Amino acid sequence: QVQLVESGGGLVQPGGSLRLSCAASGSIFSINSMAWYRQAPGKQRELVAVIISGISTNYADSVKGRFTISRDNAKNTVYLQMNSLKPEDTAVYYCNVHVRTMGDYKYVEVWGQGTLVTVSS
């Protein structure tokens, strides 16, 4: 089993910054992709940023130039640095990992519990 523990959410004023962290633990053999999604009230969950094999990154157009995703392979942790935050960034942010566990030959998708980010003055 693999568990994801997220941290770093909270209340921030417009223009401010936050850094989210998501640490994966358990019987991990390898991790392919690590990503952040978000879901605002009344809206569908959307992809914010993804990092694949620790190298390739992709971002939603709405966050390009403001958010940066990074990964610490030694710690199995993914980060999301969020700068110049806007009220429309308010959402629950979810960590998503595609991971292969010990003794298995396929990658499975694991979700974190979510962390709330509120951007408001």
PDB file of N, CA and C in Angstrom:
ATOM      1  N   GLN A   1       0.832  -1.194   0.000  1.00  0.00           N
ATOM      2  CA  GLN A   1       0.000   0.000   0.000  1.00  0.00           C
ATOM      3  C   GLN A   1       0.872   1.251   0.000  1.00  0.00           C
ATOM      4  N   VAL A   2       0.365   2.283  -0.630  1.00  0.00           N
ATOM      5  CA  VAL A   2       1.069   3.564  -0.702  1.00  0.00           C
ATOM      6  C   VAL A   2       0.165   4.635  -0.112  1.00  0.00           C
ATOM      7  N   GLN A   3       0.751   5.480   0.720  1.00  0.00           N
ATOM      8  CA  GLN A   3       0.010   6.584   1.314  1.00  0.00           C
ATOM      9  C   GLN A   3       0.631   7.906   0.869  1.00  0.00           C
ATOM     10  N   LEU A   4      -0.236   8.889   0.697  1.00  0.00           N
ATOM     11  CA  LEU A   4       0.202  10.244   0.354  1.00  0.00           C
ATOM     12  C   LEU A   4      -0.215  11.176   1.486  1.00  0.00           C
ATOM     13  N   VAL A   5       0.725  11.982   1.951  1.00  0.00           N
ATOM     14  CA  VAL A   5       0.437  12.960   2.992  1.00  0.00           C
ATOM     15  C   VAL A   5       0.747  14.341   2.442  1.00  0.00           C
ATOM     16  N   GLU A   6      -0.283  15.170   2.378  1.00  0.00           N
ATOM     17  CA  GLU A   6      -0.151  16.517   1.837  1.00  0.00           C
ATOM     18  C   GLU A   6      -0.060  17.531   2.970  1.00  0.00           C
ATOM     19  N   SER A   7       0.601  18.630   2.697  1.00  0.00           N
ATOM     20  CA  SER A   7       0.679  19.715   3.665  1.00  0.00           C
ATOM     21  C   SER A   7       0.931  21.022   2.923  1.00  0.00           C
ATOM     22  N   GLY A   8       0.724  22.122   3.630  1.00  0.00           N
ATOM     23  CA  GLY A   8       1.085  23.429   3.091  1.00  0.00           C
ATOM     24  C   GLY A   8      -0.070  24.323   2.692  1.00  0.00           C
ATOM     25  N   GLY A   9      -1.276  23.818   2.736  1.00  0.00           N
ATOM     26  CA  GLY A   9      -2.415  24.660   2.391  1.00  0.00           C
ATOM     27  C   GLY A   9      -2.696  25.695   3.475  1.00  0.00           C
ATOM     28  N   GLY A  10      -3.594  26.616   3.159  1.00  0.00           N
ATOM     29  CA  GLY A  10      -3.958  27.628   4.131  1.00  0.00           C
ATOM     30  C   GLY A  10      -4.567  28.842   3.482  1.00  0.00           C
ATOM     31  N   LEU A  11      -4.655  29.904   4.261  1.00  0.00           N
ATOM     32  CA  LEU A  11      -5.226  31.166   3.809  1.00  0.00           C
ATOM     33  C   LEU A  11      -4.094  32.126   3.448  1.00  0.00           C
ATOM     34  N   VAL A  12      -4.206  32.728   2.281  1.00  0.00           N
ATOM     35  CA  VAL A  12      -3.184  33.675   1.835  1.00  0.00           C
ATOM     36  C   VAL A  12      -3.864  34.827   1.103  1.00  0.00           C
ATOM     37  N   GLN A  13      -3.268  35.994   1.173  1.00  0.00           N
ATOM     38  CA  GLN A  13      -3.826  37.151   0.480  1.00  0.00           C
ATOM     39  C   GLN A  13      -3.482  37.102  -1.008  1.00  0.00           C
ATOM     40  N   PRO A  14      -4.293  37.736  -1.827  1.00  0.00           N
ATOM     41  CA  PRO A  14      -3.955  37.812  -3.262  1.00  0.00           C
ATOM     42  C   PRO A  14      -2.560  38.375  -3.465  1.00  0.00           C
ATOM     43  N   GLY A  15      -1.824  37.752  -4.380  1.00  0.00           N
ATOM     44  CA  GLY A  15      -0.448  38.149  -4.625  1.00  0.00           C
ATOM     45  C   GLY A  15       0.561  37.404  -3.776  1.00  0.00           C
ATOM     46  N   GLY A  16       0.077  36.665  -2.802  1.00  0.00           N
ATOM     47  CA  GLY A  16       0.959  35.932  -1.908  1.00  0.00           C
ATOM     48  C   GLY A  16       1.422  34.606  -2.482  1.00  0.00           C
ATOM     49  N   SER A  17       2.152  33.858  -1.649  1.00  0.00           N
ATOM     50  CA  SER A  17       2.726  32.584  -2.074  1.00  0.00           C
ATOM     51  C   SER A  17       2.444  31.496  -1.046  1.00  0.00           C
ATOM     52  N   LEU A  18       2.401  30.277  -1.541  1.00  0.00           N
ATOM     53  CA  LEU A  18       2.307  29.090  -0.700  1.00  0.00           C
ATOM     54  C   LEU A  18       3.090  27.979  -1.365  1.00  0.00           C
ATOM     55  N   ARG A  19       3.560  27.042  -0.569  1.00  0.00           N
ATOM     56  CA  ARG A  19       4.193  25.850  -1.121  1.00  0.00           C
ATOM     57  C   ARG A  19       3.506  24.623  -0.561  1.00  0.00           C
ATOM     58  N   LEU A  20       2.999  23.806  -1.449  1.00  0.00           N
ATOM     59  CA  LEU A  20       2.383  22.545  -1.067  1.00  0.00           C
ATOM     60  C   LEU A  20       3.402  21.420  -1.168  1.00  0.00           C
ATOM     61  N   SER A  21       3.272  20.459  -0.261  1.00  0.00           N
ATOM     62  CA  SER A  21       4.132  19.276  -0.277  1.00  0.00           C
ATOM     63  C   SER A  21       3.264  18.024  -0.243  1.00  0.00           C
ATOM     64  N   CYS A  22       3.766  16.978  -0.874  1.00  0.00           N
ATOM     65  CA  CYS A  22       3.069  15.698  -0.859  1.00  0.00           C
ATOM     66  C   CYS A  22       4.128  14.604  -0.788  1.00  0.00           C
ATOM     67  N   ALA A  23       4.133  13.876   0.318  1.00  0.00           N
ATOM     68  CA  ALA A  23       5.113  12.818   0.524  1.00  0.00           C
ATOM     69  C   ALA A  23       4.450  11.458   0.361  1.00  0.00           C
ATOM     70  N   ALA A  24       5.063  10.642  -0.464  1.00  0.00           N
ATOM     71  CA  ALA A  24       4.567   9.278  -0.678  1.00  0.00           C
ATOM     72  C   ALA A  24       5.375   8.309   0.173  1.00  0.00           C
ATOM     73  N   SER A  25       4.673   7.369   0.788  1.00  0.00           N
ATOM     74  CA  SER A  25       5.353   6.369   1.613  1.00  0.00           C
ATOM     75  C   SER A  25       4.667   5.022   1.445  1.00  0.00           C
ATOM     76  N   GLY A  26       5.397   3.991   1.862  1.00  0.00           N
ATOM     77  CA  GLY A  26       4.850   2.645   1.747  1.00  0.00           C
ATOM     78  C   GLY A  26       5.764   1.767   0.921  1.00  0.00           C
ATOM     79  N   SER A  27       5.165   0.758   0.340  1.00  0.00           N
ATOM     80  CA  SER A  27       5.928  -0.239  -0.405  1.00  0.00           C
ATOM     81  C   SER A  27       6.129   0.219  -1.853  1.00  0.00           C
ATOM     82  N   ILE A  28       7.003   1.217  -2.009  1.00  0.00           N
ATOM     83  CA  ILE A  28       7.202   1.846  -3.312  1.00  0.00           C
ATOM     84  C   ILE A  28       8.382   1.228  -4.044  1.00  0.00           C
ATOM     85  N   PHE A  29       8.144   0.811  -5.276  1.00  0.00           N
ATOM     86  CA  PHE A  29       9.238   0.349  -6.126  1.00  0.00           C
ATOM     87  C   PHE A  29       9.709   1.482  -7.023  1.00  0.00           C
ATOM     88  N   SER A  30       8.779   2.127  -7.677  1.00  0.00           N
ATOM     89  CA  SER A  30       9.140   3.290  -8.491  1.00  0.00           C
ATOM     90  C   SER A  30       7.914   4.170  -8.687  1.00  0.00           C
ATOM     91  N   ILE A  31       8.187   5.440  -8.954  1.00  0.00           N
ATOM     92  CA  ILE A  31       7.130   6.417  -9.214  1.00  0.00           C
ATOM     93  C   ILE A  31       7.308   6.972 -10.607  1.00  0.00           C
ATOM     94  N   ASN A  32       6.266   6.933 -11.396  1.00  0.00           N
ATOM     95  CA  ASN A  32       6.338   7.465 -12.745  1.00  0.00           C
ATOM     96  C   ASN A  32       6.009   8.955 -12.738  1.00  0.00           C
ATOM     97  N   SER A  33       4.792   9.299 -12.469  1.00  0.00           N
ATOM     98  CA  SER A  33       4.405  10.696 -12.487  1.00  0.00           C
ATOM     99  C   SER A  33       3.876  11.117 -11.125  1.00  0.00           C
ATOM    100  N   MET A  34       4.048  12.409 -10.846  1.00  0.00           N
ATOM    101  CA  MET A  34       3.489  13.024  -9.652  1.00  0.00           C
ATOM    102  C   MET A  34       2.814  14.305 -10.112  1.00  0.00           C
ATOM    103  N   ALA A  35       1.627  14.553  -9.608  1.00  0.00           N
ATOM    104  CA  ALA A  35       0.857  15.687 -10.113  1.00  0.00           C
ATOM    105  C   ALA A  35       0.041  16.337  -9.006  1.00  0.00           C
ATOM    106  N   TRP A  36      -0.381  17.550  -9.305  1.00  0.00           N
ATOM    107  CA  TRP A  36      -1.321  18.265  -8.453  1.00  0.00           C
ATOM    108  C   TRP A  36      -2.568  18.576  -9.273  1.00  0.00           C
ATOM    109  N   TYR A  37      -3.708  18.274  -8.679  1.00  0.00           N
ATOM    110  CA  TYR A  37      -5.003  18.643  -9.221  1.00  0.00           C
ATOM    111  C   TYR A  37      -5.664  19.591  -8.236  1.00  0.00           C
ATOM    112  N   ARG A  38      -6.713  20.260  -8.690  1.00  0.00           N
ATOM    113  CA  ARG A  38      -7.485  21.091  -7.767  1.00  0.00           C
ATOM    114  C   ARG A  38      -8.955  21.035  -8.136  1.00  0.00           C
ATOM    115  N   GLN A  39      -9.772  21.274  -7.131  1.00  0.00           N
ATOM    116  CA  GLN A  39     -11.215  21.305  -7.339  1.00  0.00           C
ATOM    117  C   GLN A  39     -11.809  22.451  -6.553  1.00  0.00           C
ATOM    118  N   ALA A  40     -12.345  23.406  -7.278  1.00  0.00           N
ATOM    119  CA  ALA A  40     -13.013  24.544  -6.666  1.00  0.00           C
ATOM    120  C   ALA A  40     -14.481  24.199  -6.434  1.00  0.00           C
ATOM    121  N   PRO A  41     -15.138  24.896  -5.515  1.00  0.00           N
ATOM    122  CA  PRO A  41     -16.552  24.601  -5.236  1.00  0.00           C
ATOM    123  C   PRO A  41     -17.403  24.697  -6.497  1.00  0.00           C
ATOM    124  N   GLY A  42     -18.181  23.645  -6.749  1.00  0.00           N
ATOM    125  CA  GLY A  42     -19.071  23.639  -7.895  1.00  0.00           C
ATOM    126  C   GLY A  42     -18.411  23.380  -9.226  1.00  0.00           C
ATOM    127  N   LYS A  43     -17.116  23.068  -9.197  1.00  0.00           N
ATOM    128  CA  LYS A  43     -16.393  22.831 -10.448  1.00  0.00           C
ATOM    129  C   LYS A  43     -15.785  21.434 -10.461  1.00  0.00           C
ATOM    130  N   GLN A  44     -15.414  20.991 -11.660  1.00  0.00           N
ATOM    131  CA  GLN A  44     -14.764  19.693 -11.794  1.00  0.00           C
ATOM    132  C   GLN A  44     -13.312  19.773 -11.378  1.00  0.00           C
ATOM    133  N   ARG A  45     -12.783  18.641 -10.977  1.00  0.00           N
ATOM    134  CA  ARG A  45     -11.364  18.567 -10.644  1.00  0.00           C
ATOM    135  C   ARG A  45     -10.558  18.765 -11.921  1.00  0.00           C
ATOM    136  N   GLU A  46      -9.482  19.562 -11.822  1.00  0.00           N
ATOM    137  CA  GLU A  46      -8.662  19.857 -12.989  1.00  0.00           C
ATOM    138  C   GLU A  46      -7.190  19.663 -12.664  1.00  0.00           C
ATOM    139  N   LEU A  47      -6.437  19.318 -13.698  1.00  0.00           N
ATOM    140  CA  LEU A  47      -5.000  19.162 -13.558  1.00  0.00           C
ATOM    141  C   LEU A  47      -4.349  20.539 -13.446  1.00  0.00           C
ATOM    142  N   VAL A  48      -3.509  20.697 -12.447  1.00  0.00           N
ATOM    143  CA  VAL A  48      -2.766  21.947 -12.265  1.00  0.00           C
ATOM    144  C   VAL A  48      -1.361  21.819 -12.852  1.00  0.00           C
ATOM    145  N   ALA A  49      -0.655  20.769 -12.437  1.00  0.00           N
ATOM    146  CA  ALA A  49       0.714  20.569 -12.892  1.00  0.00           C
ATOM    147  C   ALA A  49       1.094  19.105 -12.713  1.00  0.00           C
ATOM    148  N   VAL A  50       1.992  18.638 -13.567  1.00  0.00           N
ATOM    149  CA  VAL A  50       2.452  17.258 -13.488  1.00  0.00           C
ATOM    150  C   VAL A  50       3.945  17.223 -13.796  1.00  0.00           C
ATOM    151  N   ILE A  51       4.644  16.333 -13.117  1.00  0.00           N
ATOM    152  CA  ILE A  51       6.051  16.089 -13.399  1.00  0.00           C
ATOM    153  C   ILE A  51       6.223  14.603 -13.647  1.00  0.00           C
ATOM    154  N   ILE A  52       6.807  14.272 -14.794  1.00  0.00           N
ATOM    155  CA  ILE A  52       6.906  12.884 -15.228  1.00  0.00           C
ATOM    156  C   ILE A  52       8.363  12.446 -15.208  1.00  0.00           C
ATOM    157  N   SER A  53       8.591  11.313 -14.555  1.00  0.00           N
ATOM    158  CA  SER A  53       9.946  10.760 -14.438  1.00  0.00           C
ATOM    159  C   SER A  53      10.917  11.780 -13.858  1.00  0.00           C
ATOM    160  N   GLY A  54      10.396  12.705 -13.087  1.00  0.00           N
ATOM    161  CA  GLY A  54      11.228  13.688 -12.425  1.00  0.00           C
ATOM    162  C   GLY A  54      11.848  14.722 -13.340  1.00  0.00           C
ATOM    163  N   ILE A  55      11.412  14.713 -14.614  1.00  0.00           N
ATOM    164  CA  ILE A  55      12.067  15.600 -15.576  1.00  0.00           C
ATOM    165  C   ILE A  55      11.071  16.471 -16.332  1.00  0.00           C
ATOM    166  N   SER A  56      10.151  15.853 -16.998  1.00  0.00           N
ATOM    167  CA  SER A  56       9.214  16.565 -17.857  1.00  0.00           C
ATOM    168  C   SER A  56       8.083  17.155 -17.036  1.00  0.00           C
ATOM    169  N   THR A  57       7.763  18.423 -17.285  1.00  0.00           N
ATOM    170  CA  THR A  57       6.682  19.081 -16.562  1.00  0.00           C
ATOM    171  C   THR A  57       5.641  19.646 -17.534  1.00  0.00           C
ATOM    172  N   ASN A  58       4.416  19.763 -17.019  1.00  0.00           N
ATOM    173  CA  ASN A  58       3.350  20.361 -17.794  1.00  0.00           C
ATOM    174  C   ASN A  58       2.432  21.098 -16.837  1.00  0.00           C
ATOM    175  N   TYR A  59       1.905  22.233 -17.304  1.00  0.00           N
ATOM    176  CA  TYR A  59       1.090  23.083 -16.444  1.00  0.00           C
ATOM    177  C   TYR A  59      -0.217  23.467 -17.135  1.00  0.00           C
ATOM    178  N   ALA A  60      -1.236  23.688 -16.321  1.00  0.00           N
ATOM    179  CA  ALA A  60      -2.462  24.284 -16.837  1.00  0.00           C
ATOM    180  C   ALA A  60      -2.146  25.712 -17.272  1.00  0.00           C
ATOM    181  N   ASP A  61      -2.801  26.162 -18.319  1.00  0.00           N
ATOM    182  CA  ASP A  61      -2.534  27.511 -18.828  1.00  0.00           C
ATOM    183  C   ASP A  61      -2.759  28.570 -17.757  1.00  0.00           C
ATOM    184  N   SER A  62      -3.718  28.339 -16.893  1.00  0.00           N
ATOM    185  CA  SER A  62      -4.078  29.334 -15.890  1.00  0.00           C
ATOM    186  C   SER A  62      -3.010  29.546 -14.827  1.00  0.00           C
ATOM    187  N   VAL A  63      -2.045  28.631 -14.722  1.00  0.00           N
ATOM    188  CA  VAL A  63      -1.018  28.761 -13.684  1.00  0.00           C
ATOM    189  C   VAL A  63       0.386  28.910 -14.249  1.00  0.00           C
ATOM    190  N   LYS A  64       0.528  28.830 -15.553  1.00  0.00           N
ATOM    191  CA  LYS A  64       1.863  28.951 -16.167  1.00  0.00           C
ATOM    192  C   LYS A  64       2.496  30.274 -15.784  1.00  0.00           C
ATOM    193  N   GLY A  65       3.764  30.199 -15.404  1.00  0.00           N
ATOM    194  CA  GLY A  65       4.498  31.390 -15.014  1.00  0.00           C
ATOM    195  C   GLY A  65       4.318  31.769 -13.554  1.00  0.00           C
ATOM    196  N   ARG A  66       3.357  31.141 -12.880  1.00  0.00           N
ATOM    197  CA  ARG A  66       3.118  31.455 -11.467  1.00  0.00           C
ATOM    198  C   ARG A  66       3.409  30.264 -10.553  1.00  0.00           C
ATOM    199  N   PHE A  67       3.127  29.064 -11.027  1.00  0.00           N
ATOM    200  CA  PHE A  67       3.318  27.856 -10.227  1.00  0.00           C
ATOM    201  C   PHE A  67       4.501  27.061 -10.775  1.00  0.00           C
ATOM    202  N   THR A  68       5.196  26.387  -9.858  1.00  0.00           N
ATOM    203  CA  THR A  68       6.304  25.512 -10.251  1.00  0.00           C
ATOM    204  C   THR A  68       6.190  24.182  -9.525  1.00  0.00           C
ATOM    205  N   ILE A  69       6.208  23.105 -10.278  1.00  0.00           N
ATOM    206  CA  ILE A  69       6.191  21.765  -9.682  1.00  0.00           C
ATOM    207  C   ILE A  69       7.609  21.210  -9.673  1.00  0.00           C
ATOM    208  N   SER A  70       7.953  20.537  -8.580  1.00  0.00           N
ATOM    209  CA  SER A  70       9.272  19.928  -8.479  1.00  0.00           C
ATOM    210  C   SER A  70       9.162  18.648  -7.667  1.00  0.00           C
ATOM    211  N   ARG A  71      10.209  17.864  -7.718  1.00  0.00           N
ATOM    212  CA  ARG A  71      10.160  16.551  -7.074  1.00  0.00           C
ATOM    213  C   ARG A  71      11.505  16.240  -6.450  1.00  0.00           C
ATOM    214  N   ASP A  72      11.454  15.674  -5.256  1.00  0.00           N
ATOM    215  CA  ASP A  72      12.644  15.174  -4.571  1.00  0.00           C
ATOM    216  C   ASP A  72      12.562  13.658  -4.624  1.00  0.00           C
ATOM    217  N   ASN A  73      13.340  13.056  -5.510  1.00  0.00           N
ATOM    218  CA  ASN A  73      13.244  11.611  -5.703  1.00  0.00           C
ATOM    219  C   ASN A  73      13.646  10.835  -4.460  1.00  0.00           C
ATOM    220  N   ALA A  74      14.630  11.335  -3.739  1.00  0.00           N
ATOM    221  CA  ALA A  74      15.117  10.625  -2.553  1.00  0.00           C
ATOM    222  C   ALA A  74      14.050  10.571  -1.470  1.00  0.00           C
ATOM    223  N   LYS A  75      13.189  11.573  -1.442  1.00  0.00           N
ATOM    224  CA  LYS A  75      12.155  11.636  -0.413  1.00  0.00           C
ATOM    225  C   LYS A  75      10.782  11.232  -0.946  1.00  0.00           C
ATOM    226  N   ASN A  76      10.706  10.882  -2.222  1.00  0.00           N
ATOM    227  CA  ASN A  76       9.409  10.559  -2.844  1.00  0.00           C
ATOM    228  C   ASN A  76       8.387  11.653  -2.571  1.00  0.00           C
ATOM    229  N   THR A  77       8.831  12.880  -2.725  1.00  0.00           N
ATOM    230  CA  THR A  77       8.002  14.036  -2.395  1.00  0.00           C
ATOM    231  C   THR A  77       7.883  14.961  -3.598  1.00  0.00           C
ATOM    232  N   VAL A  78       6.681  15.469  -3.787  1.00  0.00           N
ATOM    233  CA  VAL A  78       6.442  16.445  -4.847  1.00  0.00           C
ATOM    234  C   VAL A  78       5.997  17.755  -4.195  1.00  0.00           C
ATOM    235  N   TYR A  79       6.437  18.845  -4.788  1.00  0.00           N
ATOM    236  CA  TYR A  79       6.126  20.173  -4.271  1.00  0.00           C
ATOM    237  C   TYR A  79       5.401  20.983  -5.337  1.00  0.00           C
ATOM    238  N   LEU A  80       4.623  21.923  -4.879  1.00  0.00           N
ATOM    239  CA  LEU A  80       4.006  22.895  -5.774  1.00  0.00           C
ATOM    240  C   LEU A  80       4.225  24.278  -5.173  1.00  0.00           C
ATOM    241  N   GLN A  81       5.115  25.020  -5.778  1.00  0.00           N
ATOM    242  CA  GLN A  81       5.355  26.403  -5.356  1.00  0.00           C
ATOM    243  C   GLN A  81       4.370  27.292  -6.094  1.00  0.00           C
ATOM    244  N   MET A  82       3.553  27.989  -5.340  1.00  0.00           N
ATOM    245  CA  MET A  82       2.498  28.821  -5.923  1.00  0.00           C
ATOM    246  C   MET A  82       2.775  30.281  -5.590  1.00  0.00           C
ATOM    247  N   ASN A  83       3.026  31.077  -6.602  1.00  0.00           N
ATOM    248  CA  ASN A  83       3.299  32.503  -6.435  1.00  0.00           C
ATOM    249  C   ASN A  83       2.208  33.323  -7.109  1.00  0.00           C
ATOM    250  N   SER A  84       2.159  34.591  -6.758  1.00  0.00           N
ATOM    251  CA  SER A  84       1.180  35.509  -7.353  1.00  0.00           C
ATOM    252  C   SER A  84      -0.227  34.904  -7.328  1.00  0.00           C
ATOM    253  N   LEU A  85      -0.594  34.421  -6.186  1.00  0.00           N
ATOM    254  CA  LEU A  85      -1.881  33.732  -6.061  1.00  0.00           C
ATOM    255  C   LEU A  85      -3.050  34.692  -6.283  1.00  0.00           C
ATOM    256  N   LYS A  86      -4.090  34.133  -6.884  1.00  0.00           N
ATOM    257  CA  LYS A  86      -5.299  34.892  -7.200  1.00  0.00           C
ATOM    258  C   LYS A  86      -6.502  34.255  -6.497  1.00  0.00           C
ATOM    259  N   PRO A  87      -7.549  35.014  -6.282  1.00  0.00           N
ATOM    260  CA  PRO A  87      -8.748  34.414  -5.656  1.00  0.00           C
ATOM    261  C   PRO A  87      -9.261  33.186  -6.422  1.00  0.00           C
ATOM    262  N   GLU A  88      -9.104  33.191  -7.727  1.00  0.00           N
ATOM    263  CA  GLU A  88      -9.586  32.057  -8.514  1.00  0.00           C
ATOM    264  C   GLU A  88      -8.731  30.797  -8.349  1.00  0.00           C
ATOM    265  N   ASP A  89      -7.626  30.913  -7.628  1.00  0.00           N
ATOM    266  CA  ASP A  89      -6.827  29.726  -7.297  1.00  0.00           C
ATOM    267  C   ASP A  89      -7.382  28.996  -6.072  1.00  0.00           C
ATOM    268  N   THR A  90      -8.371  29.588  -5.436  1.00  0.00           N
ATOM    269  CA  THR A  90      -8.980  28.960  -4.266  1.00  0.00           C
ATOM    270  C   THR A  90      -9.601  27.626  -4.638  1.00  0.00           C
ATOM    271  N   ALA A  91      -9.184  26.582  -3.929  1.00  0.00           N
ATOM    272  CA  ALA A  91      -9.653  25.227  -4.241  1.00  0.00           C
ATOM    273  C   ALA A  91      -9.052  24.250  -3.237  1.00  0.00           C
ATOM    274  N   VAL A  92      -9.553  23.032  -3.273  1.00  0.00           N
ATOM    275  CA  VAL A  92      -8.875  21.936  -2.591  1.00  0.00           C
ATOM    276  C   VAL A  92      -7.883  21.347  -3.579  1.00  0.00           C
ATOM    277  N   TYR A  93      -6.637  21.255  -3.162  1.00  0.00           N
ATOM    278  CA  TYR A  93      -5.564  20.753  -4.014  1.00  0.00           C
ATOM    279  C   TYR A  93      -5.259  19.299  -3.626  1.00  0.00           C
ATOM    280  N   TYR A  94      -5.226  18.443  -4.634  1.00  0.00           N
ATOM    281  CA  TYR A  94      -5.006  17.016  -4.431  1.00  0.00           C
ATOM    282  C   TYR A  94      -3.708  16.575  -5.090  1.00  0.00           C
ATOM    283  N   CYS A  95      -2.975  15.770  -4.370  1.00  0.00           N
ATOM    284  CA  CYS A  95      -1.784  15.138  -4.912  1.00  0.00           C
ATOM    285  C   CYS A  95      -2.193  13.844  -5.615  1.00  0.00           C
ATOM    286  N   ASN A  96      -1.545  13.550  -6.728  1.00  0.00           N
ATOM    287  CA  ASN A  96      -1.839  12.346  -7.513  1.00  0.00           C
ATOM    288  C   ASN A  96      -0.531  11.714  -7.948  1.00  0.00           C
ATOM    289  N   VAL A  97      -0.415  10.419  -7.721  1.00  0.00           N
ATOM    290  CA  VAL A  97       0.837   9.721  -8.016  1.00  0.00           C
ATOM    291  C   VAL A  97       0.540   8.434  -8.786  1.00  0.00           C
ATOM    292  N   HIS A  98       1.352   8.164  -9.801  1.00  0.00           N
ATOM    293  CA  HIS A  98       1.317   6.862 -10.466  1.00  0.00           C
ATOM    294  C   HIS A  98       2.530   6.082  -9.980  1.00  0.00           C
ATOM    295  N   VAL A  99       2.268   5.008  -9.246  1.00  0.00           N
ATOM    296  CA  VAL A  99       3.330   4.330  -8.519  1.00  0.00           C
ATOM    297  C   VAL A  99       3.264   2.827  -8.764  1.00  0.00           C
ATOM    298  N   ARG A 100       4.447   2.237  -8.790  1.00  0.00           N
ATOM    299  CA  ARG A 100       4.551   0.784  -8.873  1.00  0.00           C
ATOM    300  C   ARG A 100       5.028   0.299  -7.507  1.00  0.00           C
ATOM    301  N   THR A 101       4.301  -0.635  -6.938  1.00  0.00           N
ATOM    302  CA  THR A 101       4.665  -1.137  -5.619  1.00  0.00           C
ATOM    303  C   THR A 101       5.534  -2.386  -5.725  1.00  0.00           C
ATOM    304  N   MET A 102       6.187  -2.706  -4.625  1.00  0.00           N
ATOM    305  CA  MET A 102       7.045  -3.886  -4.564  1.00  0.00           C
ATOM    306  C   MET A 102       6.230  -5.141  -4.906  1.00  0.00           C
ATOM    307  N   GLY A 103       6.790  -5.974  -5.766  1.00  0.00           N
ATOM    308  CA  GLY A 103       6.127  -7.221  -6.097  1.00  0.00           C
ATOM    309  C   GLY A 103       5.031  -7.086  -7.134  1.00  0.00           C
ATOM    310  N   ASP A 104       4.822  -5.879  -7.658  1.00  0.00           N
ATOM    311  CA  ASP A 104       3.795  -5.685  -8.667  1.00  0.00           C
ATOM    312  C   ASP A 104       4.469  -5.253  -9.970  1.00  0.00           C
ATOM    313  N   TYR A 105       3.754  -5.435 -11.068  1.00  0.00           N
ATOM    314  CA  TYR A 105       4.324  -5.108 -12.369  1.00  0.00           C
ATOM    315  C   TYR A 105       3.583  -3.978 -13.067  1.00  0.00           C
ATOM    316  N   LYS A 106       2.594  -3.441 -12.407  1.00  0.00           N
ATOM    317  CA  LYS A 106       1.848  -2.365 -13.040  1.00  0.00           C
ATOM    318  C   LYS A 106       1.834  -1.132 -12.138  1.00  0.00           C
ATOM    319  N   TYR A 107       1.616   0.000 -12.784  1.00  0.00           N
ATOM    320  CA  TYR A 107       1.493   1.249 -12.039  1.00  0.00           C
ATOM    321  C   TYR A 107       0.028   1.466 -11.643  1.00  0.00           C
ATOM    322  N   VAL A 108      -0.169   1.950 -10.437  1.00  0.00           N
ATOM    323  CA  VAL A 108      -1.508   2.266  -9.955  1.00  0.00           C
ATOM    324  C   VAL A 108      -1.558   3.742  -9.599  1.00  0.00           C
ATOM    325  N   GLU A 109      -2.760   4.276  -9.597  1.00  0.00           N
ATOM    326  CA  GLU A 109      -2.976   5.683  -9.301  1.00  0.00           C
ATOM    327  C   GLU A 109      -3.404   5.832  -7.843  1.00  0.00           C
ATOM    328  N   VAL A 110      -2.756   6.754  -7.152  1.00  0.00           N
ATOM    329  CA  VAL A 110      -3.060   6.999  -5.746  1.00  0.00           C
ATOM    330  C   VAL A 110      -3.335   8.488  -5.564  1.00  0.00           C
ATOM    331  N   TRP A 111      -4.357   8.805  -4.768  1.00  0.00           N
ATOM    332  CA  TRP A 111      -4.745  10.187  -4.496  1.00  0.00           C
ATOM    333  C   TRP A 111      -4.502  10.529  -3.032  1.00  0.00           C
ATOM    334  N   GLY A 112      -4.115  11.780  -2.811  1.00  0.00           N
ATOM    335  CA  GLY A 112      -4.028  12.293  -1.467  1.00  0.00           C
ATOM    336  C   GLY A 112      -5.396  12.721  -0.966  1.00  0.00           C
ATOM    337  N   GLN A 113      -5.441  13.161   0.295  1.00  0.00           N
ATOM    338  CA  GLN A 113      -6.710  13.524   0.922  1.00  0.00           C
ATOM    339  C   GLN A 113      -7.152  14.943   0.581  1.00  0.00           C
ATOM    340  N   GLY A 114      -6.238  15.731   0.046  1.00  0.00           N
ATOM    341  CA  GLY A 114      -6.555  17.104  -0.321  1.00  0.00           C
ATOM    342  C   GLY A 114      -6.170  18.098   0.757  1.00  0.00           C
ATOM    343  N   THR A 115      -5.762  19.270   0.300  1.00  0.00           N
ATOM    344  CA  THR A 115      -5.438  20.353   1.220  1.00  0.00           C
ATOM    345  C   THR A 115      -6.061  21.637   0.661  1.00  0.00           C
ATOM    346  N   LEU A 116      -6.699  22.401   1.538  1.00  0.00           N
ATOM    347  CA  LEU A 116      -7.448  23.576   1.100  1.00  0.00           C
ATOM    348  C   LEU A 116      -6.538  24.792   0.980  1.00  0.00           C
ATOM    349  N   VAL A 117      -6.627  25.449  -0.154  1.00  0.00           N
ATOM    350  CA  VAL A 117      -5.952  26.720  -0.385  1.00  0.00           C
ATOM    351  C   VAL A 117      -7.018  27.783  -0.593  1.00  0.00           C
ATOM    352  N   THR A 118      -6.969  28.819   0.233  1.00  0.00           N
ATOM    353  CA  THR A 118      -7.931  29.918   0.134  1.00  0.00           C
ATOM    354  C   THR A 118      -7.159  31.207  -0.108  1.00  0.00           C
ATOM    355  N   VAL A 119      -7.495  31.882  -1.198  1.00  0.00           N
ATOM    356  CA  VAL A 119      -6.853  33.151  -1.538  1.00  0.00           C
ATOM    357  C   VAL A 119      -7.891  34.246  -1.379  1.00  0.00           C
ATOM    358  N   SER A 120      -7.693  35.054  -0.360  1.00  0.00           N
ATOM    359  CA  SER A 120      -8.695  36.065  -0.047  1.00  0.00           C
ATOM    360  C   SER A 120      -8.062  37.172   0.789  1.00  0.00           C
ATOM    361  N   SER A 121      -8.591  38.375   0.609  1.00  0.00           N
ATOM    362  CA  SER A 121      -8.123  39.489   1.425  1.00  0.00           C
ATOM    363  C   SER A 121      -9.020  39.684   2.643  1.00  0.00           C
TER     364      SER A 121
END
